[in-house]
Amino acid sequence: MKSGTAVVSRCSYSMKNDTGTTTSISLLFRRAATMEEGKAIFLASKLVHHDEEISDLGDSAYRTVAPAQLNVLKGKNWLVISAGAFPKPNPSLQEKVAREILKNIRE
């Protein structure tokens, strides 16, 4: 869908293990019209919502506690990733998903 000059896409996946626990992964992908716009919006959100700085992911990354999400900026692309078995987030799974997605983003 379009949001102003950005394009926004969402997807989510769920997996149930043998014990019946469901692990979910969701992605909100926001692609800005320009790198400057993407960076400005990402950094504005980071100032308000950031709980933990994350290094070595994209151009910039931070985690929020509530809701439990990993936010990653790569060029003009902003990834918002949630992962885990509700109500417990899985930060390492969030980062693993981010790394896999980032491998496939080309500017």
Protein backbone atom coordinates (compact mmCIF):
# COMPACT_ATOMS: atom_id res chain seq x y z
CA MET A 1 0.00 0.00 0.00
CA LYS A 2 1.07 3.59 -0.43
CA SER A 3 1.62 5.90 2.55
CA GLY A 4 2.45 9.38 1.29
CA THR A 5 5.50 8.95 -0.92
CA ALA A 6 6.44 5.63 0.69
CA VAL A 7 5.39 2.10 -0.18
CA VAL A 8 4.52 -0.12 2.79
CA SER A 9 4.20 -3.89 2.77
CA ARG A 10 3.43 -6.33 5.59
CA CYS A 11 3.74 -10.07 5.98
CA SER A 12 3.70 -12.55 8.82
CA TYR A 13 4.44 -16.22 9.34
CA SER A 14 3.60 -18.66 12.12
CA MET A 15 5.13 -22.03 12.95
CA LYS A 16 3.88 -24.50 15.55
CA ASN A 17 6.41 -26.87 17.13
CA ASP A 18 5.78 -30.38 18.49
CA THR A 19 4.79 -29.04 21.91
CA GLY A 20 2.14 -26.77 20.39
CA THR A 21 4.03 -23.52 20.93
CA THR A 22 3.51 -21.07 18.07
CA THR A 23 6.39 -18.88 17.00
CA SER A 24 5.47 -15.90 14.86
CA ILE A 25 7.55 -13.62 12.65
CA SER A 26 6.15 -10.42 11.19
CA LEU A 27 7.67 -7.79 8.96
CA LEU A 28 6.59 -4.30 8.10
CA PHE A 29 8.69 -3.07 5.17
CA ARG A 30 8.61 0.67 4.43
CA ARG A 31 10.41 1.94 1.32
CA ALA A 32 10.73 5.73 1.17
CA ALA A 33 10.91 7.71 -2.07
CA THR A 34 14.49 8.82 -1.28
CA MET A 35 17.29 7.84 1.08
CA GLU A 36 17.05 11.23 2.79
CA GLU A 37 13.33 10.80 3.46
CA GLY A 38 13.82 7.25 4.75
CA LYS A 39 16.63 8.30 7.07
CA ALA A 40 14.74 11.34 8.41
CA ILE A 41 11.61 9.36 9.26
CA PHE A 42 13.58 6.47 10.76
CA LEU A 43 15.70 8.78 12.96
CA ALA A 44 12.64 10.73 14.12
CA SER A 45 11.03 7.48 15.24
CA LYS A 46 14.26 6.34 16.86
CA LEU A 47 14.43 9.51 18.97
CA VAL A 48 10.97 8.84 20.38
CA HIS A 49 10.79 5.04 20.61
CA HIS A 50 14.29 3.58 20.89
CA ASP A 51 15.09 1.43 23.92
CA GLU A 52 18.31 -0.27 22.78
CA GLU A 53 20.83 0.56 20.05
CA ILE A 54 21.79 -2.42 17.87
CA SER A 55 25.09 -2.49 15.98
CA ASP A 56 26.09 -4.34 12.82
CA LEU A 57 22.64 -4.33 11.21
CA GLY A 58 21.96 -2.16 8.17
CA ASP A 59 22.80 1.54 8.33
CA SER A 60 21.21 1.96 11.77
CA ALA A 61 19.14 -0.27 14.05
CA TYR A 62 17.31 -0.12 17.36
CA ARG A 63 15.01 -2.28 19.42
CA THR A 64 11.83 -1.29 21.23
CA VAL A 65 10.49 -3.10 24.28
CA ALA A 66 6.78 -2.37 23.87
CA PRO A 67 5.90 -3.44 21.31
CA ALA A 68 8.89 -5.79 21.10
CA GLN A 69 10.30 -4.93 17.69
CA LEU A 70 13.59 -4.61 15.87
CA ASN A 71 13.82 -1.57 13.58
CA VAL A 72 16.49 -1.54 10.86
CA LEU A 73 17.31 1.13 8.30
CA LYS A 74 19.05 0.11 5.07
CA GLY A 75 19.23 2.88 2.47
CA LYS A 76 15.67 4.06 1.95
CA ASN A 77 14.23 0.84 3.42
CA TRP A 78 12.96 0.55 6.99
CA LEU A 79 12.31 -2.94 8.39
CA VAL A 80 10.18 -3.44 11.50
CA ILE A 81 10.50 -7.05 12.67
CA SER A 82 8.67 -8.87 15.45
CA ALA A 83 9.53 -12.47 16.31
CA GLY A 84 8.89 -14.90 19.11
CA ALA A 85 6.26 -16.92 20.91
CA PHE A 86 3.68 -14.52 22.36
CA PRO A 87 4.07 -12.92 24.85
CA LYS A 88 7.84 -13.52 24.88
CA PRO A 89 9.82 -11.89 22.06
CA ASN A 90 12.90 -13.59 20.65
CA PRO A 91 15.58 -10.92 20.02
CA SER A 92 18.05 -13.35 18.44
CA LEU A 93 15.37 -14.55 15.99
CA GLN A 94 14.56 -10.91 15.16
CA GLU A 95 18.21 -10.30 14.30
CA LYS A 96 18.51 -13.55 12.32
CA VAL A 97 15.47 -12.59 10.24
CA ALA A 98 16.86 -9.08 9.70
CA ARG A 99 20.19 -10.45 8.46
CA GLU A 100 18.45 -12.75 5.97
CA ILE A 101 16.26 -9.95 4.64
CA LEU A 102 19.15 -7.47 4.43
CA LYS A 103 21.10 -9.90 2.21
CA ASN A 104 18.39 -9.50 -0.41
CA ILE A 105 17.87 -5.72 -0.35
CA ARG A 106 19.44 -3.96 -3.29
CA GLU A 107 19.33 -0.23 -3.86
